[in-house]
N, C-alpha and C. Protein backbone atom coordinates (compact mmCIF):
# COMPACT_ATOMS: atom_id res chain seq x y z
N MET A 1 100.43 111.83 100.31
CA MET A 1 101.21 112.39 99.23
C MET A 1 101.45 111.25 98.25
N ALA A 2 101.41 111.54 97.00
CA ALA A 2 101.63 110.53 95.96
C ALA A 2 102.78 110.97 95.08
N GLY A 3 103.52 110.01 94.60
CA GLY A 3 104.63 110.32 93.71
C GLY A 3 104.80 109.20 92.72
N SER A 4 105.66 109.40 91.75
CA SER A 4 105.89 108.39 90.73
C SER A 4 107.29 107.83 90.91
N ASP A 5 107.41 106.51 90.79
CA ASP A 5 108.69 105.85 90.92
C ASP A 5 108.82 104.86 89.77
N GLY A 6 109.48 105.27 88.69
CA GLY A 6 109.69 104.37 87.57
C GLY A 6 108.40 103.93 86.91
N GLY A 7 107.42 104.80 86.82
CA GLY A 7 106.17 104.45 86.17
C GLY A 7 105.12 103.88 87.11
N ARG A 8 105.50 103.58 88.34
CA ARG A 8 104.54 103.06 89.31
C ARG A 8 104.08 104.19 90.20
N LEU A 9 102.84 104.13 90.59
CA LEU A 9 102.34 105.11 91.54
C LEU A 9 102.72 104.65 92.94
N VAL A 10 103.37 105.50 93.67
CA VAL A 10 103.73 105.20 95.05
C VAL A 10 102.91 106.12 95.92
N LEU A 11 102.10 105.54 96.79
CA LEU A 11 101.20 106.32 97.63
C LEU A 11 101.70 106.25 99.06
N ILE A 12 101.97 107.39 99.63
CA ILE A 12 102.46 107.45 101.00
C ILE A 12 101.47 108.28 101.80
N LEU A 13 100.85 107.67 102.77
CA LEU A 13 99.90 108.39 103.61
C LEU A 13 100.43 108.43 105.04
N GLY A 14 100.62 109.60 105.53
CA GLY A 14 101.01 109.78 106.92
C GLY A 14 99.84 110.33 107.70
N VAL A 15 100.08 110.68 108.94
CA VAL A 15 99.04 111.22 109.80
C VAL A 15 98.45 112.49 109.19
N SER A 16 99.29 113.37 108.64
CA SER A 16 98.78 114.61 108.08
C SER A 16 97.90 114.35 106.86
N SER A 17 98.26 113.39 106.01
CA SER A 17 97.43 113.07 104.85
C SER A 17 96.10 112.47 105.29
N TYR A 18 96.18 111.58 106.28
CA TYR A 18 94.96 110.96 106.80
C TYR A 18 94.06 112.03 107.41
N SER A 19 94.64 112.97 108.13
CA SER A 19 93.87 114.07 108.71
C SER A 19 93.23 114.91 107.62
N ALA A 20 93.95 115.15 106.53
CA ALA A 20 93.41 115.92 105.42
C ALA A 20 92.22 115.19 104.80
N ILE A 21 92.34 113.88 104.67
CA ILE A 21 91.23 113.09 104.13
C ILE A 21 90.02 113.23 105.04
N LYS A 22 90.23 113.04 106.34
CA LYS A 22 89.12 113.11 107.29
C LYS A 22 88.51 114.50 107.36
N SER A 23 89.29 115.56 107.13
CA SER A 23 88.76 116.92 107.23
C SER A 23 88.02 117.34 105.97
N GLY A 24 88.06 116.52 104.92
CA GLY A 24 87.30 116.82 103.73
C GLY A 24 88.07 117.59 102.67
N LEU A 25 89.38 117.74 102.82
CA LEU A 25 90.15 118.40 101.78
C LEU A 25 90.09 117.57 100.51
N PRO A 26 90.12 118.20 99.35
CA PRO A 26 89.98 117.43 98.10
C PRO A 26 91.19 116.54 97.85
N MET A 27 90.99 115.26 98.07
CA MET A 27 92.01 114.24 97.82
C MET A 27 91.28 113.01 97.30
N PRO A 28 91.96 112.15 96.56
CA PRO A 28 91.28 110.92 96.12
C PRO A 28 90.98 110.02 97.31
N PHE A 29 89.99 109.15 97.17
CA PHE A 29 89.64 108.17 98.19
C PHE A 29 89.18 108.82 99.50
N THR A 30 88.46 109.92 99.43
CA THR A 30 88.09 110.64 100.66
C THR A 30 87.15 109.87 101.56
N SER A 31 86.47 108.84 101.05
CA SER A 31 85.49 108.16 101.88
C SER A 31 86.00 106.87 102.50
N ILE A 32 87.29 106.52 102.32
CA ILE A 32 87.81 105.30 102.90
C ILE A 32 89.04 105.59 103.73
N SER A 33 89.36 104.66 104.60
CA SER A 33 90.50 104.84 105.49
C SER A 33 91.82 104.65 104.74
N ALA A 34 92.88 105.17 105.33
CA ALA A 34 94.21 105.07 104.72
C ALA A 34 94.63 103.62 104.54
N GLY A 35 94.35 102.75 105.50
CA GLY A 35 94.74 101.35 105.40
C GLY A 35 94.07 100.64 104.24
N TRP A 36 92.83 101.01 103.95
CA TRP A 36 92.10 100.36 102.87
C TRP A 36 92.57 100.81 101.50
N ILE A 37 93.21 101.97 101.38
CA ILE A 37 93.71 102.39 100.08
C ILE A 37 94.70 101.36 99.56
N PHE A 38 95.62 100.94 100.42
CA PHE A 38 96.60 99.93 100.01
C PHE A 38 95.90 98.60 99.73
N THR A 39 94.91 98.24 100.56
CA THR A 39 94.19 97.00 100.35
C THR A 39 93.44 97.03 99.04
N LEU A 40 92.78 98.15 98.73
CA LEU A 40 92.06 98.24 97.48
C LEU A 40 93.00 98.22 96.28
N MET A 41 94.17 98.80 96.43
CA MET A 41 95.16 98.74 95.36
C MET A 41 95.63 97.30 95.19
N GLY A 42 95.67 96.55 96.29
CA GLY A 42 96.05 95.15 96.24
C GLY A 42 97.52 94.90 96.03
N LEU A 43 98.33 95.95 96.06
CA LEU A 43 99.75 95.79 95.79
C LEU A 43 100.59 96.63 96.73
N LEU A 44 101.79 96.16 96.96
CA LEU A 44 102.79 96.98 97.62
C LEU A 44 103.37 97.91 96.56
N ASP A 45 104.15 98.90 96.96
CA ASP A 45 104.66 99.86 95.98
C ASP A 45 105.60 99.23 94.95
N ASP A 46 106.13 98.03 95.22
CA ASP A 46 107.00 97.39 94.24
C ASP A 46 106.25 96.39 93.35
N GLY A 47 104.91 96.39 93.45
CA GLY A 47 104.10 95.55 92.59
C GLY A 47 103.77 94.18 93.11
N ARG A 48 104.35 93.78 94.26
CA ARG A 48 104.04 92.47 94.84
C ARG A 48 102.67 92.51 95.51
N PRO A 49 101.92 91.39 95.50
CA PRO A 49 100.66 91.36 96.23
C PRO A 49 100.90 91.63 97.72
N LEU A 50 99.90 92.22 98.37
CA LEU A 50 100.01 92.55 99.78
C LEU A 50 100.37 91.35 100.65
N ASN A 51 99.82 90.18 100.33
CA ASN A 51 100.01 89.03 101.19
C ASN A 51 101.23 88.19 100.85
N GLN A 52 102.05 88.60 99.90
CA GLN A 52 103.22 87.80 99.53
C GLN A 52 104.18 87.71 100.71
N GLY A 53 104.57 86.49 101.05
CA GLY A 53 105.50 86.28 102.14
C GLY A 53 104.84 86.28 103.51
N LYS A 54 103.53 86.42 103.57
CA LYS A 54 102.82 86.41 104.83
C LYS A 54 101.87 85.22 104.85
N SER A 55 101.23 85.02 105.99
CA SER A 55 100.21 84.00 106.10
C SER A 55 99.13 84.24 105.05
N GLN A 56 98.58 83.19 104.49
CA GLN A 56 97.51 83.34 103.51
C GLN A 56 96.18 83.64 104.19
N LYS A 57 96.12 83.52 105.50
CA LYS A 57 94.90 83.86 106.22
C LYS A 57 94.85 85.38 106.41
N TYR A 58 93.64 85.93 106.31
CA TYR A 58 93.47 87.38 106.43
C TYR A 58 92.99 87.76 107.82
N ARG A 59 93.59 88.78 108.38
CA ARG A 59 93.11 89.39 109.61
C ARG A 59 93.23 90.89 109.43
N PRO A 60 92.13 91.64 109.67
CA PRO A 60 92.20 93.10 109.53
C PRO A 60 93.27 93.68 110.46
N SER A 61 93.97 94.70 109.98
CA SER A 61 95.04 95.30 110.78
C SER A 61 94.54 96.40 111.71
N SER A 62 93.28 96.79 111.57
CA SER A 62 92.71 97.83 112.44
C SER A 62 91.21 97.65 112.53
N GLY A 63 90.60 98.33 113.46
CA GLY A 63 89.15 98.28 113.60
C GLY A 63 88.45 98.86 112.38
N THR A 64 89.03 99.90 111.81
CA THR A 64 88.44 100.52 110.62
C THR A 64 88.48 99.55 109.45
N GLU A 65 89.61 98.87 109.26
CA GLU A 65 89.73 97.90 108.19
C GLU A 65 88.76 96.74 108.42
N GLY A 66 88.64 96.31 109.67
CA GLY A 66 87.70 95.24 110.01
C GLY A 66 86.26 95.64 109.73
N ALA A 67 85.89 96.87 110.07
CA ALA A 67 84.54 97.36 109.81
C ALA A 67 84.26 97.41 108.31
N SER A 68 85.25 97.81 107.52
CA SER A 68 85.08 97.84 106.06
C SER A 68 84.92 96.43 105.50
N PHE A 69 85.72 95.48 106.02
CA PHE A 69 85.60 94.09 105.58
C PHE A 69 84.22 93.55 105.94
N TYR A 70 83.78 93.82 107.17
CA TYR A 70 82.47 93.36 107.63
C TYR A 70 81.37 93.92 106.73
N GLU A 71 81.45 95.21 106.42
CA GLU A 71 80.44 95.84 105.58
C GLU A 71 80.41 95.24 104.19
N THR A 72 81.57 94.93 103.65
CA THR A 72 81.67 94.38 102.30
C THR A 72 81.20 92.93 102.23
N TRP A 73 81.62 92.11 103.20
CA TRP A 73 81.35 90.68 103.14
C TRP A 73 80.27 90.23 104.11
N CYS A 74 80.48 90.40 105.39
CA CYS A 74 79.61 89.81 106.41
C CYS A 74 78.20 90.38 106.42
N SER A 75 78.07 91.68 106.24
CA SER A 75 76.74 92.29 106.32
C SER A 75 75.83 91.85 105.18
N GLU A 76 76.40 91.32 104.11
CA GLU A 76 75.62 90.85 102.97
C GLU A 76 75.54 89.32 102.90
N CYS A 77 76.07 88.65 103.92
CA CYS A 77 76.19 87.19 103.89
C CYS A 77 75.06 86.50 104.65
N ALA A 78 74.53 85.45 104.07
CA ALA A 78 73.47 84.67 104.70
C ALA A 78 73.95 83.99 105.98
N ARG A 79 75.24 83.72 106.09
CA ARG A 79 75.77 83.06 107.29
C ARG A 79 75.73 83.95 108.53
N ASP A 80 75.63 85.27 108.31
CA ASP A 80 75.64 86.19 109.45
C ASP A 80 74.26 86.76 109.77
N GLU A 81 73.20 86.16 109.24
CA GLU A 81 71.86 86.63 109.59
C GLU A 81 71.66 86.40 111.08
N GLY A 82 71.24 87.43 111.77
CA GLY A 82 71.11 87.34 113.22
C GLY A 82 72.45 87.38 113.93
N GLU A 83 73.47 87.82 113.22
CA GLU A 83 74.83 87.90 113.76
C GLU A 83 75.27 86.58 114.38
N SER A 84 75.11 85.50 113.62
CA SER A 84 75.43 84.17 114.14
C SER A 84 76.53 83.45 113.38
N CYS A 85 77.37 84.18 112.65
CA CYS A 85 78.41 83.54 111.85
C CYS A 85 79.56 83.06 112.75
N GLU A 86 79.79 81.77 112.73
CA GLU A 86 80.87 81.20 113.54
C GLU A 86 82.25 81.59 112.99
N ILE A 87 82.35 81.79 111.68
CA ILE A 87 83.61 82.22 111.07
C ILE A 87 84.01 83.57 111.64
N LEU A 88 83.09 84.52 111.63
CA LEU A 88 83.35 85.85 112.17
C LEU A 88 83.71 85.78 113.65
N ALA A 89 82.97 84.98 114.41
CA ALA A 89 83.24 84.86 115.85
C ALA A 89 84.66 84.33 116.11
N LYS A 90 85.08 83.35 115.32
CA LYS A 90 86.42 82.77 115.50
C LYS A 90 87.52 83.80 115.22
N THR A 91 87.30 84.71 114.27
CA THR A 91 88.34 85.70 113.97
C THR A 91 88.58 86.65 115.13
N PHE A 92 87.61 86.79 116.02
CA PHE A 92 87.78 87.65 117.18
C PHE A 92 88.50 86.94 118.32
N ARG A 93 88.34 85.63 118.42
CA ARG A 93 88.89 84.94 119.60
C ARG A 93 90.11 84.06 119.33
N ILE A 94 90.48 83.88 118.06
CA ILE A 94 91.60 83.00 117.73
C ILE A 94 92.66 83.80 116.99
N ASP A 95 93.92 83.59 117.34
CA ASP A 95 95.03 84.28 116.67
C ASP A 95 95.15 83.80 115.23
N VAL A 96 95.50 84.71 114.34
CA VAL A 96 95.59 84.41 112.91
C VAL A 96 96.60 83.31 112.61
N GLU A 97 97.62 83.16 113.41
CA GLU A 97 98.63 82.11 113.19
C GLU A 97 98.22 80.76 113.76
N ASP A 98 97.13 80.70 114.50
CA ASP A 98 96.63 79.46 115.08
C ASP A 98 95.97 78.62 113.99
N ASP A 99 96.12 77.30 114.06
CA ASP A 99 95.51 76.39 113.08
C ASP A 99 93.99 76.49 113.04
N GLU A 100 93.38 76.90 114.16
CA GLU A 100 91.92 76.99 114.24
C GLU A 100 91.37 78.28 113.64
N TYR A 101 92.24 79.24 113.28
CA TYR A 101 91.77 80.49 112.68
C TYR A 101 91.10 80.16 111.34
N PRO A 102 89.96 80.76 111.04
CA PRO A 102 89.22 80.40 109.83
C PRO A 102 90.03 80.57 108.53
N GLN A 103 90.11 79.49 107.78
CA GLN A 103 90.77 79.50 106.47
C GLN A 103 89.96 80.29 105.44
N GLU A 104 88.67 80.51 105.75
CA GLU A 104 87.79 81.19 104.81
C GLU A 104 88.16 82.66 104.61
N TRP A 105 88.78 83.26 105.63
CA TRP A 105 89.24 84.65 105.50
C TRP A 105 90.64 84.59 104.92
N THR A 106 90.76 84.93 103.66
CA THR A 106 92.02 84.80 102.94
C THR A 106 92.15 85.94 101.93
N TYR A 107 93.00 85.78 100.95
CA TYR A 107 93.21 86.79 99.91
C TYR A 107 92.89 86.21 98.55
N ASP A 108 92.38 87.06 97.65
CA ASP A 108 92.17 86.59 96.28
C ASP A 108 93.49 86.67 95.52
N GLU A 109 93.46 86.33 94.24
CA GLU A 109 94.70 86.30 93.44
C GLU A 109 95.33 87.68 93.26
N SER A 110 94.56 88.74 93.53
CA SER A 110 95.09 90.10 93.43
C SER A 110 95.62 90.61 94.76
N GLY A 111 95.50 89.81 95.82
CA GLY A 111 95.98 90.21 97.13
C GLY A 111 94.94 90.93 97.97
N ARG A 112 93.69 90.96 97.53
CA ARG A 112 92.63 91.62 98.29
C ARG A 112 91.97 90.62 99.23
N PRO A 113 91.58 91.06 100.43
CA PRO A 113 90.95 90.15 101.38
C PRO A 113 89.54 89.74 100.93
N ILE A 114 89.23 88.46 101.13
CA ILE A 114 87.92 87.92 100.77
C ILE A 114 87.47 86.90 101.81
N CYS A 115 86.22 86.55 101.77
CA CYS A 115 85.70 85.42 102.56
C CYS A 115 85.20 84.39 101.57
N THR A 116 85.84 83.22 101.55
CA THR A 116 85.49 82.19 100.58
C THR A 116 84.20 81.46 100.94
N ALA A 117 83.67 81.69 102.14
CA ALA A 117 82.42 81.05 102.55
C ALA A 117 81.21 81.95 102.29
N PHE A 118 81.41 83.08 101.64
CA PHE A 118 80.33 84.04 101.41
C PHE A 118 79.18 83.42 100.62
N VAL A 119 77.96 83.65 101.14
CA VAL A 119 76.73 83.25 100.47
C VAL A 119 75.83 84.48 100.50
N GLN A 120 75.41 84.94 99.34
CA GLN A 120 74.57 86.15 99.27
C GLN A 120 73.33 86.00 100.16
N ARG A 121 73.04 87.01 100.94
CA ARG A 121 71.87 87.01 101.80
C ARG A 121 70.64 86.68 100.97
N GLY A 122 69.80 85.78 101.47
CA GLY A 122 68.60 85.36 100.77
C GLY A 122 68.79 84.03 100.04
N GLU A 123 70.03 83.64 99.79
CA GLU A 123 70.31 82.35 99.14
C GLU A 123 70.50 81.28 100.22
N ALA A 124 70.29 80.03 99.84
CA ALA A 124 70.46 78.92 100.77
C ALA A 124 71.94 78.65 101.04
N ILE A 125 72.24 78.39 102.30
CA ILE A 125 73.62 78.04 102.68
C ILE A 125 73.82 76.56 102.32
N PRO A 126 74.85 76.25 101.53
CA PRO A 126 75.07 74.85 101.14
C PRO A 126 75.39 73.98 102.35
N THR A 127 74.92 72.74 102.29
CA THR A 127 75.21 71.78 103.34
C THR A 127 76.68 71.39 103.24
N PRO A 128 77.42 71.49 104.35
CA PRO A 128 78.84 71.12 104.28
C PRO A 128 79.02 69.64 103.97
N ARG A 129 80.01 69.36 103.17
CA ARG A 129 80.34 67.98 102.82
C ARG A 129 81.02 67.31 104.01
N CYS A 130 80.70 66.07 104.24
CA CYS A 130 81.31 65.31 105.33
C CYS A 130 82.80 65.11 105.02
N THR A 131 83.64 65.56 105.92
CA THR A 131 85.09 65.43 105.70
C THR A 131 85.60 64.02 105.94
N LYS A 132 84.75 63.15 106.48
CA LYS A 132 85.15 61.76 106.77
C LYS A 132 84.82 60.82 105.61
N THR A 133 84.11 61.34 104.58
CA THR A 133 83.70 60.51 103.45
C THR A 133 84.52 60.87 102.22
N ILE A 134 85.04 59.87 101.53
CA ILE A 134 85.83 60.09 100.32
C ILE A 134 84.90 60.52 99.19
N ASP A 135 85.31 61.52 98.44
CA ASP A 135 84.55 61.95 97.27
C ASP A 135 84.92 61.05 96.10
N MET A 136 83.98 60.27 95.63
CA MET A 136 84.27 59.27 94.59
C MET A 136 84.32 59.88 93.19
N PHE A 137 83.86 61.11 93.01
CA PHE A 137 83.75 61.66 91.67
C PHE A 137 84.71 62.78 91.37
N ASP A 138 85.06 63.61 92.36
CA ASP A 138 85.95 64.74 92.14
C ASP A 138 87.33 64.52 92.74
N ASN A 139 87.58 63.35 93.33
CA ASN A 139 88.88 63.03 93.94
C ASN A 139 89.30 64.06 94.96
N GLN A 140 88.40 64.51 95.77
CA GLN A 140 88.75 65.50 96.81
C GLN A 140 88.61 64.90 98.18
């Protein structure tokens, strides 16, 4: 169900709305899950980004959201050819609050989840810079 609150669109999806979407009733966003509607909007109903006040690391909140993220990022990434991406593997075995959880899974400036290590399939994966060597030109 959708309503207006002071000029903002407030979208509330409950089990019955989700069931209506899945059954094919005419509603917007019929091909995506309820959780992804909020992610695609990138905002909470009060206009704040989804990740405000939370960890900057991204972890899907459900299997459906994870499958959508995988389809958007991992399935098109050169790092996951042959399903060998170590970043993806770490997200399954390490808690999001752990220091070892991949920093590459994060949010963009709009609050949408992204993978900062994405390399389009078919392109060369850049050689990682040695973290033990000082960068003399970019001060990094």
